[in-house]
Amino acid sequence: MSDLPPCPKCNCVYSYEMGALVVCPECAHEWSADAEQDGDDQLSVIRDSSGNVLTDGDSVVVVKDLKVKGRPTNIKIGTKVNNIHLVRDNGDHDIDCKVEGFGAMYLKSSVVKKA
């Protein structure tokens, strides 16, 4: 049997090499065989729309207009959000913050960039 690591997403032991990548046949996750395999460290990195790594306490700027359910106004492009908190177990919304004029809410990291 091969010495390939199990999949960091689903822990499948049937991973295989395809070029420079290791591929999981169950969840189709691909990762580099040379990368450090700490699992949680690689999966927990949250990046903004430009690819910058976000950390707790960062300030971000909204890069597109966001509709807010139940509100007559939108969060406008260019709105600055201070002191964000990263959340890793809330589905696809990974930023917990307070937006001035709107209150506390969750945002996706794909709609913000680091200020």
Protein backbone atom coordinates (compact mmCIF):
# COMPACT_ATOMS: atom_id res chain seq x y z
CA MET A 1 0.00 0.00 0.00
CA SER A 2 1.15 3.62 -0.49
CA ASP A 3 2.31 6.01 2.22
CA LEU A 4 -0.04 8.80 1.14
CA PRO A 5 -1.82 10.71 3.91
CA PRO A 6 -5.60 10.45 4.32
CA CYS A 7 -7.80 13.25 2.99
CA PRO A 8 -7.73 16.29 5.33
CA LYS A 9 -11.43 16.98 4.64
CA CYS A 10 -13.12 13.59 4.94
CA ASN A 11 -10.29 11.33 6.26
CA CYS A 12 -10.65 8.92 3.34
CA VAL A 13 -7.66 6.55 3.24
CA TYR A 14 -7.93 5.85 -0.52
CA SER A 15 -6.14 9.01 -1.69
CA TYR A 16 -4.01 8.79 -4.82
CA GLU A 17 -1.38 10.90 -6.58
CA MET A 18 -2.13 12.81 -9.75
CA GLY A 19 0.92 14.75 -10.85
CA ALA A 20 2.08 16.97 -7.99
CA LEU A 21 -1.28 16.73 -6.20
CA VAL A 22 -2.91 14.15 -3.97
CA VAL A 23 -6.60 13.54 -4.74
CA CYS A 24 -9.40 12.09 -2.63
CA PRO A 25 -11.76 9.85 -4.65
CA GLU A 26 -14.67 10.30 -2.22
CA CYS A 27 -14.92 14.11 -1.84
CA ALA A 28 -12.70 15.18 -4.81
CA HIS A 29 -10.50 17.36 -2.55
CA GLU A 30 -7.04 18.05 -3.98
CA TRP A 31 -3.98 19.10 -1.98
CA SER A 32 -0.23 19.28 -2.39
CA ALA A 33 1.74 16.24 -1.26
CA ASP A 34 4.62 18.53 -0.22
CA ALA A 35 2.47 20.79 1.98
CA GLU A 36 2.52 20.37 5.72
CA GLN A 37 -0.44 18.17 6.64
CA ASP A 38 -1.76 19.62 9.89
CA GLY A 39 -5.34 19.40 8.62
CA ASP A 40 -6.94 22.01 10.87
CA ASP A 41 -4.23 24.60 10.16
CA GLN A 42 -4.70 24.37 6.40
CA LEU A 43 -8.49 24.29 6.53
CA SER A 44 -8.81 27.07 9.08
CA VAL A 45 -7.06 29.76 7.02
CA ILE A 46 -9.69 32.28 5.92
CA ARG A 47 -8.84 34.53 2.99
CA ASP A 48 -10.55 37.64 1.63
CA SER A 49 -11.59 38.22 -1.98
CA SER A 50 -8.03 39.25 -2.88
CA GLY A 51 -6.39 36.23 -1.26
CA ASN A 52 -5.07 38.00 1.84
CA VAL A 53 -5.19 36.01 5.09
CA LEU A 54 -7.70 37.42 7.57
CA THR A 55 -7.24 37.38 11.36
CA ASP A 56 -9.41 38.33 14.32
CA GLY A 57 -9.51 42.10 14.87
CA ASP A 58 -8.81 43.04 11.23
CA SER A 59 -10.67 45.80 9.44
CA VAL A 60 -12.25 44.94 6.09
CA VAL A 61 -14.04 46.78 3.29
CA VAL A 62 -17.13 45.40 1.52
CA VAL A 63 -16.38 44.90 -2.21
CA LYS A 64 -19.97 44.65 -3.51
CA ASP A 65 -23.45 45.82 -2.52
CA LEU A 66 -25.07 43.35 -0.11
CA LYS A 67 -28.83 42.94 0.23
CA VAL A 68 -29.96 42.48 3.83
CA LYS A 69 -33.15 40.53 4.47
CA GLY A 70 -35.81 42.59 6.19
CA ARG A 71 -34.03 45.90 5.62
CA PRO A 72 -35.03 48.52 3.05
CA THR A 73 -31.40 49.52 2.41
CA ASN A 74 -28.34 47.58 1.31
CA ILE A 75 -24.81 47.51 2.68
CA LYS A 76 -23.04 49.66 0.11
CA ILE A 77 -19.77 48.89 -1.62
CA GLY A 78 -16.85 50.47 0.25
CA THR A 79 -18.43 50.13 3.71
CA LYS A 80 -15.65 49.64 6.27
CA VAL A 81 -16.16 47.05 9.00
CA ASN A 82 -13.82 47.20 12.01
CA ASN A 83 -12.79 44.51 14.49
CA ILE A 84 -14.03 41.36 12.75
CA HIS A 85 -14.21 37.97 14.44
CA LEU A 86 -13.56 34.81 12.38
CA VAL A 87 -15.99 31.91 12.75
CA ARG A 88 -15.09 28.50 11.35
CA ASP A 89 -18.21 26.46 12.04
CA ASN A 90 -21.03 28.65 10.73
CA GLY A 91 -21.54 27.20 7.26
CA ASP A 92 -20.37 29.46 4.46
CA HIS A 93 -20.48 32.72 6.47
CA ASP A 94 -17.12 32.95 8.22
CA ILE A 95 -16.95 36.54 9.57
CA ASP A 96 -18.90 37.74 12.61
CA CYS A 97 -19.00 41.55 12.84
CA LYS A 98 -21.00 44.67 13.57
CA VAL A 99 -21.78 46.83 10.55
CA GLU A 100 -22.48 50.44 11.46
CA GLY A 101 -26.13 51.22 10.83
CA PHE A 102 -27.08 47.54 10.46
CA GLY A 103 -25.91 45.83 13.67
CA ALA A 104 -24.41 42.41 14.25
CA MET A 105 -24.30 40.01 11.30
CA TYR A 106 -22.31 37.31 9.54
CA LEU A 107 -20.49 37.98 6.26
CA LYS A 108 -18.76 35.78 3.72
CA SER A 109 -15.04 36.33 3.32
CA SER A 110 -15.54 36.38 -0.47
CA VAL A 111 -17.35 39.75 -0.31
CA VAL A 112 -14.73 41.66 1.70
CA LYS A 113 -11.11 42.71 1.30
CA LYS A 114 -8.60 43.58 3.99
CA ALA A 115 -8.40 47.31 4.69
